[in-house]
Amino acid sequence: ASTWVKALTLINYRSTILQTIEATV
């Protein structure tokens, strides 16, 4: 649980950033 929460939180933060309108490659 501790490992997956840390890993998935990092992934979810980046996924949220990439969903912004002005995000480019």
mmCIF file of all heavy atoms, coordinates in Angstrom:
data_MODEL
# 
_entry.id   MODEL 
# 
loop_
_atom_site.group_PDB 
_atom_site.id 
_atom_site.type_symbol 
_atom_site.label_atom_id 
_atom_site.label_alt_id 
_atom_site.label_comp_id 
_atom_site.label_asym_id 
_atom_site.label_entity_id 
_atom_site.label_seq_id 
_atom_site.pdbx_PDB_ins_code 
_atom_site.Cartn_x 
_atom_site.Cartn_y 
_atom_site.Cartn_z 
_atom_site.occupancy 
_atom_site.B_iso_or_equiv 
_atom_site.pdbx_formal_charge 
_atom_site.auth_seq_id 
_atom_site.auth_comp_id 
_atom_site.auth_asym_id 
_atom_site.auth_atom_id 
_atom_site.pdbx_PDB_model_num 
ATOM 1   N N   . ALA A 1 1  ? 0.825  -1.204 0.000   1.00 0.00 ? 1  ALA A N   1 
ATOM 2   C CA  . ALA A 1 1  ? 0.000  0.000  0.000   1.00 0.00 ? 1  ALA A CA  1 
ATOM 3   C C   . ALA A 1 1  ? 0.861  1.256  0.000   1.00 0.00 ? 1  ALA A C   1 
ATOM 4   O O   . ALA A 1 1  ? 0.594  2.205  -0.747  1.00 0.00 ? 1  ALA A O   1 
ATOM 5   C CB  . ALA A 1 1  ? -0.936 -0.011 1.210   1.00 0.00 ? 1  ALA A CB  1 
ATOM 6   N N   . SER A 1 2  ? 1.906  1.273  0.810   1.00 0.00 ? 2  SER A N   1 
ATOM 7   C CA  . SER A 1 2  ? 2.789  2.441  0.875   1.00 0.00 ? 2  SER A CA  1 
ATOM 8   C C   . SER A 1 2  ? 3.501  2.671  -0.453  1.00 0.00 ? 2  SER A C   1 
ATOM 9   O O   . SER A 1 2  ? 3.586  3.806  -0.935  1.00 0.00 ? 2  SER A O   1 
ATOM 10  C CB  . SER A 1 2  ? 3.806  2.247  2.004   1.00 0.00 ? 2  SER A CB  1 
ATOM 11  O OG  . SER A 1 2  ? 4.723  3.324  2.046   1.00 0.00 ? 2  SER A OG  1 
ATOM 12  N N   . THR A 1 3  ? 3.999  1.608  -1.057  1.00 0.00 ? 3  THR A N   1 
ATOM 13  C CA  . THR A 1 3  ? 4.731  1.739  -2.324  1.00 0.00 ? 3  THR A CA  1 
ATOM 14  C C   . THR A 1 3  ? 3.825  2.227  -3.447  1.00 0.00 ? 3  THR A C   1 
ATOM 15  O O   . THR A 1 3  ? 4.173  3.141  -4.201  1.00 0.00 ? 3  THR A O   1 
ATOM 16  C CB  . THR A 1 3  ? 5.366  0.394  -2.706  1.00 0.00 ? 3  THR A CB  1 
ATOM 17  O OG1 . THR A 1 3  ? 6.209  -0.053 -1.639  1.00 0.00 ? 3  THR A OG1 1 
ATOM 18  C CG2 . THR A 1 3  ? 6.186  0.534  -3.971  1.00 0.00 ? 3  THR A CG2 1 
ATOM 19  N N   . TRP A 1 4  ? 2.645  1.624  -3.553  1.00 0.00 ? 4  TRP A N   1 
ATOM 20  C CA  . TRP A 1 4  ? 1.752  1.986  -4.653  1.00 0.00 ? 4  TRP A CA  1 
ATOM 21  C C   . TRP A 1 4  ? 1.169  3.382  -4.480  1.00 0.00 ? 4  TRP A C   1 
ATOM 22  O O   . TRP A 1 4  ? 0.949  4.088  -5.477  1.00 0.00 ? 4  TRP A O   1 
ATOM 23  C CB  . TRP A 1 4  ? 0.634  0.960  -4.790  1.00 0.00 ? 4  TRP A CB  1 
ATOM 24  C CG  . TRP A 1 4  ? 1.033  -0.203 -5.627  1.00 0.00 ? 4  TRP A CG  1 
ATOM 25  C CD1 . TRP A 1 4  ? 1.252  -1.485 -5.221  1.00 0.00 ? 4  TRP A CD1 1 
ATOM 26  C CD2 . TRP A 1 4  ? 1.275  -0.187 -7.038  1.00 0.00 ? 4  TRP A CD2 1 
ATOM 27  N NE1 . TRP A 1 4  ? 1.616  -2.262 -6.284  1.00 0.00 ? 4  TRP A NE1 1 
ATOM 28  C CE2 . TRP A 1 4  ? 1.633  -1.503 -7.417  1.00 0.00 ? 4  TRP A CE2 1 
ATOM 29  C CE3 . TRP A 1 4  ? 1.221  0.800  -8.014  1.00 0.00 ? 4  TRP A CE3 1 
ATOM 30  C CZ2 . TRP A 1 4  ? 1.943  -1.840 -8.720  1.00 0.00 ? 4  TRP A CZ2 1 
ATOM 31  C CZ3 . TRP A 1 4  ? 1.528  0.463  -9.330  1.00 0.00 ? 4  TRP A CZ3 1 
ATOM 32  C CH2 . TRP A 1 4  ? 1.887  -0.841 -9.674  1.00 0.00 ? 4  TRP A CH2 1 
ATOM 33  N N   . VAL A 1 5  ? 0.909  3.806  -3.254  1.00 0.00 ? 5  VAL A N   1 
ATOM 34  C CA  . VAL A 1 5  ? 0.408  5.169  -3.063  1.00 0.00 ? 5  VAL A CA  1 
ATOM 35  C C   . VAL A 1 5  ? 1.447  6.179  -3.524  1.00 0.00 ? 5  VAL A C   1 
ATOM 36  O O   . VAL A 1 5  ? 1.128  7.164  -4.201  1.00 0.00 ? 5  VAL A O   1 
ATOM 37  C CB  . VAL A 1 5  ? 0.037  5.399  -1.582  1.00 0.00 ? 5  VAL A CB  1 
ATOM 38  C CG1 . VAL A 1 5  ? -0.106 6.880  -1.288  1.00 0.00 ? 5  VAL A CG1 1 
ATOM 39  C CG2 . VAL A 1 5  ? -1.263 4.701  -1.262  1.00 0.00 ? 5  VAL A CG2 1 
ATOM 40  N N   . LYS A 1 6  ? 2.703  5.955  -3.178  1.00 0.00 ? 6  LYS A N   1 
ATOM 41  C CA  . LYS A 1 6  ? 3.764  6.882  -3.593  1.00 0.00 ? 6  LYS A CA  1 
ATOM 42  C C   . LYS A 1 6  ? 3.918  6.883  -5.104  1.00 0.00 ? 6  LYS A C   1 
ATOM 43  O O   . LYS A 1 6  ? 4.011  7.956  -5.736  1.00 0.00 ? 6  LYS A O   1 
ATOM 44  C CB  . LYS A 1 6  ? 5.081  6.489  -2.924  1.00 0.00 ? 6  LYS A CB  1 
ATOM 45  C CG  . LYS A 1 6  ? 5.124  6.742  -1.419  1.00 0.00 ? 6  LYS A CG  1 
ATOM 46  C CD  . LYS A 1 6  ? 6.450  6.291  -0.832  1.00 0.00 ? 6  LYS A CD  1 
ATOM 47  C CE  . LYS A 1 6  ? 6.595  6.709  0.622   1.00 0.00 ? 6  LYS A CE  1 
ATOM 48  N NZ  . LYS A 1 6  ? 5.568  6.152  1.493   1.00 0.00 ? 6  LYS A NZ  1 
ATOM 49  N N   . ALA A 1 7  ? 3.954  5.706  -5.723  1.00 0.00 ? 7  ALA A N   1 
ATOM 50  C CA  . ALA A 1 7  ? 4.159  5.636  -7.168  1.00 0.00 ? 7  ALA A CA  1 
ATOM 51  C C   . ALA A 1 7  ? 2.970  6.205  -7.935  1.00 0.00 ? 7  ALA A C   1 
ATOM 52  O O   . ALA A 1 7  ? 3.142  6.994  -8.880  1.00 0.00 ? 7  ALA A O   1 
ATOM 53  C CB  . ALA A 1 7  ? 4.413  4.189  -7.577  1.00 0.00 ? 7  ALA A CB  1 
ATOM 54  N N   . LEU A 1 8  ? 1.757  5.838  -7.548  1.00 0.00 ? 8  LEU A N   1 
ATOM 55  C CA  . LEU A 1 8  ? 0.577  6.298  -8.267  1.00 0.00 ? 8  LEU A CA  1 
ATOM 56  C C   . LEU A 1 8  ? 0.309  7.780  -8.050  1.00 0.00 ? 8  LEU A C   1 
ATOM 57  O O   . LEU A 1 8  ? -0.247 8.449  -8.927  1.00 0.00 ? 8  LEU A O   1 
ATOM 58  C CB  . LEU A 1 8  ? -0.648 5.481  -7.841  1.00 0.00 ? 8  LEU A CB  1 
ATOM 59  C CG  . LEU A 1 8  ? -0.645 4.009  -8.264  1.00 0.00 ? 8  LEU A CG  1 
ATOM 60  C CD1 . LEU A 1 8  ? -1.847 3.278  -7.669  1.00 0.00 ? 8  LEU A CD1 1 
ATOM 61  C CD2 . LEU A 1 8  ? -0.669 3.888  -9.785  1.00 0.00 ? 8  LEU A CD2 1 
ATOM 62  N N   . THR A 1 9  ? 0.705  8.327  -6.899  1.00 0.00 ? 9  THR A N   1 
ATOM 63  C CA  . THR A 1 9  ? 0.556  9.767  -6.671  1.00 0.00 ? 9  THR A CA  1 
ATOM 64  C C   . THR A 1 9  ? 1.443  10.552 -7.619  1.00 0.00 ? 9  THR A C   1 
ATOM 65  O O   . THR A 1 9  ? 1.018  11.566 -8.194  1.00 0.00 ? 9  THR A O   1 
ATOM 66  C CB  . THR A 1 9  ? 0.897  10.111 -5.214  1.00 0.00 ? 9  THR A CB  1 
ATOM 67  O OG1 . THR A 1 9  ? 0.005  9.410  -4.341  1.00 0.00 ? 9  THR A OG1 1 
ATOM 68  C CG2 . THR A 1 9  ? 0.755  11.598 -4.963  1.00 0.00 ? 9  THR A CG2 1 
ATOM 69  N N   . LEU A 1 10 ? 2.677  10.091 -7.813  1.00 0.00 ? 10 LEU A N   1 
ATOM 70  C CA  . LEU A 1 10 ? 3.573  10.749 -8.764  1.00 0.00 ? 10 LEU A CA  1 
ATOM 71  C C   . LEU A 1 10 ? 3.003  10.699 -10.176 1.00 0.00 ? 10 LEU A C   1 
ATOM 72  O O   . LEU A 1 10 ? 3.033  11.691 -10.909 1.00 0.00 ? 10 LEU A O   1 
ATOM 73  C CB  . LEU A 1 10 ? 4.942  10.075 -8.727  1.00 0.00 ? 10 LEU A CB  1 
ATOM 74  C CG  . LEU A 1 10 ? 5.740  10.185 -7.421  1.00 0.00 ? 10 LEU A CG  1 
ATOM 75  C CD1 . LEU A 1 10 ? 7.022  9.366  -7.511  1.00 0.00 ? 10 LEU A CD1 1 
ATOM 76  C CD2 . LEU A 1 10 ? 6.066  11.637 -7.099  1.00 0.00 ? 10 LEU A CD2 1 
ATOM 77  N N   . ILE A 1 11 ? 2.466  9.549  -10.561 1.00 0.00 ? 11 ILE A N   1 
ATOM 78  C CA  . ILE A 1 11 ? 1.885  9.402  -11.907 1.00 0.00 ? 11 ILE A CA  1 
ATOM 79  C C   . ILE A 1 11 ? 0.652  10.281 -12.059 1.00 0.00 ? 11 ILE A C   1 
ATOM 80  O O   . ILE A 1 11 ? 0.447  10.930 -13.093 1.00 0.00 ? 11 ILE A O   1 
ATOM 81  C CB  . ILE A 1 11 ? 1.551  7.930  -12.172 1.00 0.00 ? 11 ILE A CB  1 
ATOM 82  C CG1 . ILE A 1 11 ? 2.824  7.089  -12.219 1.00 0.00 ? 11 ILE A CG1 1 
ATOM 83  C CG2 . ILE A 1 11 ? 0.775  7.776  -13.478 1.00 0.00 ? 11 ILE A CG2 1 
ATOM 84  C CD1 . ILE A 1 11 ? 2.574  5.606  -12.354 1.00 0.00 ? 11 ILE A CD1 1 
ATOM 85  N N   . ASN A 1 12 ? -0.190 10.339 -11.029 1.00 0.00 ? 12 ASN A N   1 
ATOM 86  C CA  . ASN A 1 12 ? -1.422 11.120 -11.118 1.00 0.00 ? 12 ASN A CA  1 
ATOM 87  C C   . ASN A 1 12 ? -1.136 12.619 -11.215 1.00 0.00 ? 12 ASN A C   1 
ATOM 88  O O   . ASN A 1 12 ? -1.840 13.338 -11.933 1.00 0.00 ? 12 ASN A O   1 
ATOM 89  C CB  . ASN A 1 12 ? -2.295 10.838 -9.895  1.00 0.00 ? 12 ASN A CB  1 
ATOM 90  C CG  . ASN A 1 12 ? -3.674 11.459 -10.005 1.00 0.00 ? 12 ASN A CG  1 
ATOM 91  O OD1 . ASN A 1 12 ? -4.401 11.223 -10.951 1.00 0.00 ? 12 ASN A OD1 1 
ATOM 92  N ND2 . ASN A 1 12 ? -4.028 12.278 -9.033  1.00 0.00 ? 12 ASN A ND2 1 
ATOM 93  N N   . TYR A 1 13 ? -0.101 13.103 -10.522 1.00 0.00 ? 13 TYR A N   1 
ATOM 94  C CA  . TYR A 1 13 ? 0.263  14.514 -10.625 1.00 0.00 ? 13 TYR A CA  1 
ATOM 95  C C   . TYR A 1 13 ? 0.648  14.865 -12.064 1.00 0.00 ? 13 TYR A C   1 
ATOM 96  O O   . TYR A 1 13 ? 0.205  15.881 -12.614 1.00 0.00 ? 13 TYR A O   1 
ATOM 97  C CB  . TYR A 1 13 ? 1.430  14.834 -9.688  1.00 0.00 ? 13 TYR A CB  1 
ATOM 98  C CG  . TYR A 1 13 ? 1.043  14.936 -8.231  1.00 0.00 ? 13 TYR A CG  1 
ATOM 99  C CD1 . TYR A 1 13 ? 1.995  14.785 -7.225  1.00 0.00 ? 13 TYR A CD1 1 
ATOM 100 C CD2 . TYR A 1 13 ? -0.276 15.182 -7.855  1.00 0.00 ? 13 TYR A CD2 1 
ATOM 101 C CE1 . TYR A 1 13 ? 1.632  14.870 -5.883  1.00 0.00 ? 13 TYR A CE1 1 
ATOM 102 C CE2 . TYR A 1 13 ? -0.631 15.273 -6.528  1.00 0.00 ? 13 TYR A CE2 1 
ATOM 103 C CZ  . TYR A 1 13 ? 0.326  15.122 -5.540  1.00 0.00 ? 13 TYR A CZ  1 
ATOM 104 O OH  . TYR A 1 13 ? -0.027 15.208 -4.224  1.00 0.00 ? 13 TYR A OH  1 
ATOM 105 N N   . ARG A 1 14 ? 1.475  14.011 -12.682 1.00 0.00 ? 14 ARG A N   1 
ATOM 106 C CA  . ARG A 1 14 ? 1.879  14.296 -14.061 1.00 0.00 ? 14 ARG A CA  1 
ATOM 107 C C   . ARG A 1 14 ? 0.703  14.186 -15.015 1.00 0.00 ? 14 ARG A C   1 
ATOM 108 O O   . ARG A 1 14 ? 0.580  14.971 -15.955 1.00 0.00 ? 14 ARG A O   1 
ATOM 109 C CB  . ARG A 1 14 ? 2.976  13.319 -14.489 1.00 0.00 ? 14 ARG A CB  1 
ATOM 110 C CG  . ARG A 1 14 ? 4.271  13.400 -13.693 1.00 0.00 ? 14 ARG A CG  1 
ATOM 111 C CD  . ARG A 1 14 ? 4.743  14.823 -13.513 1.00 0.00 ? 14 ARG A CD  1 
ATOM 112 N NE  . ARG A 1 14 ? 6.095  14.925 -13.032 1.00 0.00 ? 14 ARG A NE  1 
ATOM 113 C CZ  . ARG A 1 14 ? 6.482  14.717 -11.779 1.00 0.00 ? 14 ARG A CZ  1 
ATOM 114 N NH1 . ARG A 1 14 ? 5.585  14.355 -10.865 1.00 0.00 ? 14 ARG A NH1 1 
ATOM 115 N NH2 . ARG A 1 14 ? 7.741  14.871 -11.423 1.00 0.00 ? 14 ARG A NH2 1 
ATOM 116 N N   . SER A 1 15 ? -0.167 13.231 -14.796 1.00 0.00 ? 15 SER A N   1 
ATOM 117 C CA  . SER A 1 15 ? -1.340 13.080 -15.663 1.00 0.00 ? 15 SER A CA  1 
ATOM 118 C C   . SER A 1 15 ? -2.240 14.300 -15.584 1.00 0.00 ? 15 SER A C   1 
ATOM 119 O O   . SER A 1 15 ? -2.796 14.742 -16.607 1.00 0.00 ? 15 SER A O   1 
ATOM 120 C CB  . SER A 1 15 ? -2.115 11.820 -15.256 1.00 0.00 ? 15 SER A CB  1 
ATOM 121 O OG  . SER A 1 15 ? -3.263 11.642 -16.064 1.00 0.00 ? 15 SER A OG  1 
ATOM 122 N N   . THR A 1 16 ? -2.394 14.875 -14.406 1.00 0.00 ? 16 THR A N   1 
ATOM 123 C CA  . THR A 1 16 ? -3.214 16.084 -14.252 1.00 0.00 ? 16 THR A CA  1 
ATOM 124 C C   . THR A 1 16 ? -2.593 17.261 -14.981 1.00 0.00 ? 16 THR A C   1 
ATOM 125 O O   . THR A 1 16 ? -3.298 18.062 -15.621 1.00 0.00 ? 16 THR A O   1 
ATOM 126 C CB  . THR A 1 16 ? -3.383 16.407 -12.766 1.00 0.00 ? 16 THR A CB  1 
ATOM 127 O OG1 . THR A 1 16 ? -3.941 15.281 -12.086 1.00 0.00 ? 16 THR A OG1 1 
ATOM 128 C CG2 . THR A 1 16 ? -4.310 17.598 -12.577 1.00 0.00 ? 16 THR A CG2 1 
ATOM 129 N N   . ILE A 1 17 ? -1.264 17.381 -14.915 1.00 0.00 ? 17 ILE A N   1 
ATOM 130 C CA  . ILE A 1 17 ? -0.580 18.478 -15.605 1.00 0.00 ? 17 ILE A CA  1 
ATOM 131 C C   . ILE A 1 17 ? -0.750 18.355 -17.113 1.00 0.00 ? 17 ILE A C   1 
ATOM 132 O O   . ILE A 1 17 ? -0.982 19.349 -17.814 1.00 0.00 ? 17 ILE A O   1 
ATOM 133 C CB  . ILE A 1 17 ? 0.914  18.486 -15.221 1.00 0.00 ? 17 ILE A CB  1 
ATOM 134 C CG1 . ILE A 1 17 ? 1.081  18.873 -13.749 1.00 0.00 ? 17 ILE A CG1 1 
ATOM 135 C CG2 . ILE A 1 17 ? 1.702  19.448 -16.095 1.00 0.00 ? 17 ILE A CG2 1 
ATOM 136 C CD1 . ILE A 1 17 ? 2.496  18.746 -13.236 1.00 0.00 ? 17 ILE A CD1 1 
ATOM 137 N N   . LEU A 1 18 ? -0.662 17.140 -17.627 1.00 0.00 ? 18 LEU A N   1 
ATOM 138 C CA  . LEU A 1 18 ? -0.751 16.937 -19.075 1.00 0.00 ? 18 LEU A CA  1 
ATOM 139 C C   . LEU A 1 18 ? -2.152 17.176 -19.619 1.00 0.00 ? 18 LEU A C   1 
ATOM 140 O O   . LEU A 1 18 ? -2.329 17.267 -20.836 1.00 0.00 ? 18 LEU A O   1 
ATOM 141 C CB  . LEU A 1 18 ? -0.291 15.526 -19.433 1.00 0.00 ? 18 LEU A CB  1 
ATOM 142 C CG  . LEU A 1 18 ? 1.161  15.189 -19.099 1.00 0.00 ? 18 LEU A CG  1 
ATOM 143 C CD1 . LEU A 1 18 ? 1.500  13.784 -19.545 1.00 0.00 ? 18 LEU A CD1 1 
ATOM 144 C CD2 . LEU A 1 18 ? 2.113  16.195 -19.726 1.00 0.00 ? 18 LEU A CD2 1 
ATOM 145 N N   . GLN A 1 19 ? -3.155 17.244 -18.758 1.00 0.00 ? 19 GLN A N   1 
ATOM 146 C CA  . GLN A 1 19 ? -4.515 17.492 -19.202 1.00 0.00 ? 19 GLN A CA  1 
ATOM 147 C C   . GLN A 1 19 ? -4.852 18.971 -19.318 1.00 0.00 ? 19 GLN A C   1 
ATOM 148 O O   . GLN A 1 19 ? -5.951 19.324 -19.732 1.00 0.00 ? 19 GLN A O   1 
ATOM 149 C CB  . GLN A 1 19 ? -5.513 16.819 -18.256 1.00 0.00 ? 19 GLN A CB  1 
ATOM 150 C CG  . GLN A 1 19 ? -5.435 15.304 -18.269 1.00 0.00 ? 19 GLN A CG  1 
ATOM 151 C CD  . GLN A 1 19 ? -6.403 14.673 -17.291 1.00 0.00 ? 19 GLN A CD  1 
ATOM 152 O OE1 . GLN A 1 19 ? -7.586 14.997 -17.273 1.00 0.00 ? 19 GLN A OE1 1 
ATOM 153 N NE2 . GLN A 1 19 ? -5.913 13.756 -16.466 1.00 0.00 ? 19 GLN A NE2 1 
ATOM 154 N N   . THR A 1 20 ? -3.915 19.856 -18.954 1.00 0.00 ? 20 THR A N   1 
ATOM 155 C CA  . THR A 1 20 ? -4.160 21.291 -19.063 1.00 0.00 ? 20 THR A CA  1 
ATOM 156 C C   . THR A 1 20 ? -4.217 21.705 -20.532 1.00 0.00 ? 20 THR A C   1 
ATOM 157 O O   . THR A 1 20 ? -3.617 21.055 -21.407 1.00 0.00 ? 20 THR A O   1 
ATOM 158 C CB  . THR A 1 20 ? -3.064 22.091 -18.349 1.00 0.00 ? 20 THR A CB  1 
ATOM 159 O OG1 . THR A 1 20 ? -1.789 21.720 -18.881 1.00 0.00 ? 20 THR A OG1 1 
ATOM 160 C CG2 . THR A 1 20 ? -3.093 21.789 -16.856 1.00 0.00 ? 20 THR A CG2 1 
ATOM 161 N N   . ILE A 1 21 ? -4.904 22.786 -20.808 1.00 0.00 ? 21 ILE A N   1 
ATOM 162 C CA  . ILE A 1 21 ? -5.141 23.207 -22.188 1.00 0.00 ? 21 ILE A CA  1 
ATOM 163 C C   . ILE A 1 21 ? -3.848 23.634 -22.868 1.00 0.00 ? 21 ILE A C   1 
ATOM 164 O O   . ILE A 1 21 ? -3.622 23.332 -24.042 1.00 0.00 ? 21 ILE A O   1 
ATOM 165 C CB  . ILE A 1 21 ? -6.172 24.354 -22.213 1.00 0.00 ? 21 ILE A CB  1 
ATOM 166 C CG1 . ILE A 1 21 ? -7.521 23.861 -21.692 1.00 0.00 ? 21 ILE A CG1 1 
ATOM 167 C CG2 . ILE A 1 21 ? -6.335 24.913 -23.621 1.00 0.00 ? 21 ILE A CG2 1 
ATOM 168 C CD1 . ILE A 1 21 ? -8.571 24.938 -21.613 1.00 0.00 ? 21 ILE A CD1 1 
ATOM 169 N N   . GLU A 1 22 ? -2.959 24.338 -22.161 1.00 0.00 ? 22 GLU A N   1 
ATOM 170 C CA  . GLU A 1 22 ? -1.764 24.902 -22.779 1.00 0.00 ? 22 GLU A CA  1 
ATOM 171 C C   . GLU A 1 22 ? -0.564 23.958 -22.731 1.00 0.00 ? 22 GLU A C   1 
ATOM 172 O O   . GLU A 1 22 ? 0.556  24.374 -23.042 1.00 0.00 ? 22 GLU A O   1 
ATOM 173 C CB  . GLU A 1 22 ? -1.409 26.226 -22.094 1.00 0.00 ? 22 GLU A CB  1 
ATOM 174 C CG  . GLU A 1 22 ? -2.467 27.309 -22.277 1.00 0.00 ? 22 GLU A CG  1 
ATOM 175 C CD  . GLU A 1 22 ? -2.038 28.631 -21.697 1.00 0.00 ? 22 GLU A CD  1 
ATOM 176 O OE1 . GLU A 1 22 ? -0.930 28.677 -21.110 1.00 0.00 ? 22 GLU A OE1 1 
ATOM 177 O OE2 . GLU A 1 22 ? -2.780 29.615 -21.833 1.00 0.00 ? 22 GLU A OE2 1 
ATOM 178 N N   . ALA A 1 23 ? -0.749 22.712 -22.349 1.00 0.00 ? 23 ALA A N   1 
ATOM 179 C CA  . ALA A 1 23 ? 0.368  21.765 -22.301 1.00 0.00 ? 23 ALA A CA  1 
ATOM 180 C C   . ALA A 1 23 ? 0.820  21.421 -23.715 1.00 0.00 ? 23 ALA A C   1 
ATOM 181 O O   . ALA A 1 23 ? 0.011  21.083 -24.574 1.00 0.00 ? 23 ALA A O   1 
ATOM 182 C CB  . ALA A 1 23 ? -0.048 20.504 -21.552 1.00 0.00 ? 23 ALA A CB  1 
ATOM 183 N N   . THR A 1 24 ? 2.121  21.513 -23.969 1.00 0.00 ? 24 THR A N   1 
ATOM 184 C CA  . THR A 1 24 ? 2.702  21.162 -25.262 1.00 0.00 ? 24 THR A CA  1 
ATOM 185 C C   . THR A 1 24 ? 3.631  19.966 -25.093 1.00 0.00 ? 24 THR A C   1 
ATOM 186 O O   . THR A 1 24 ? 3.863  19.499 -23.977 1.00 0.00 ? 24 THR A O   1 
ATOM 187 C CB  . THR A 1 24 ? 3.463  22.360 -25.852 1.00 0.00 ? 24 THR A CB  1 
ATOM 188 O OG1 . THR A 1 24 ? 4.371  22.884 -24.859 1.00 0.00 ? 24 THR A OG1 1 
ATOM 189 C CG2 . THR A 1 24 ? 2.508  23.472 -26.264 1.00 0.00 ? 24 THR A CG2 1 
ATOM 190 N N   . VAL A 1 25 ? 4.172  19.490 -26.207 1.00 0.00 ? 25 VAL A N   1 
ATOM 191 C CA  . VAL A 1 25 ? 4.968  18.266 -26.171 1.00 0.00 ? 25 VAL A CA  1 
ATOM 192 C C   . VAL A 1 25 ? 6.220  18.446 -25.336 1.00 0.00 ? 25 VAL A C   1 
ATOM 193 O O   . VAL A 1 25 ? 6.683  17.509 -24.669 1.00 0.00 ? 25 VAL A O   1 
ATOM 194 C CB  . VAL A 1 25 ? 5.320  17.836 -27.615 1.00 0.00 ? 25 VAL A CB  1 
ATOM 195 C CG1 . VAL A 1 25 ? 6.277  16.647 -27.610 1.00 0.00 ? 25 VAL A CG1 1 
ATOM 196 C CG2 . VAL A 1 25 ? 4.056  17.472 -28.375 1.00 0.00 ? 25 VAL A CG2 1 
# 
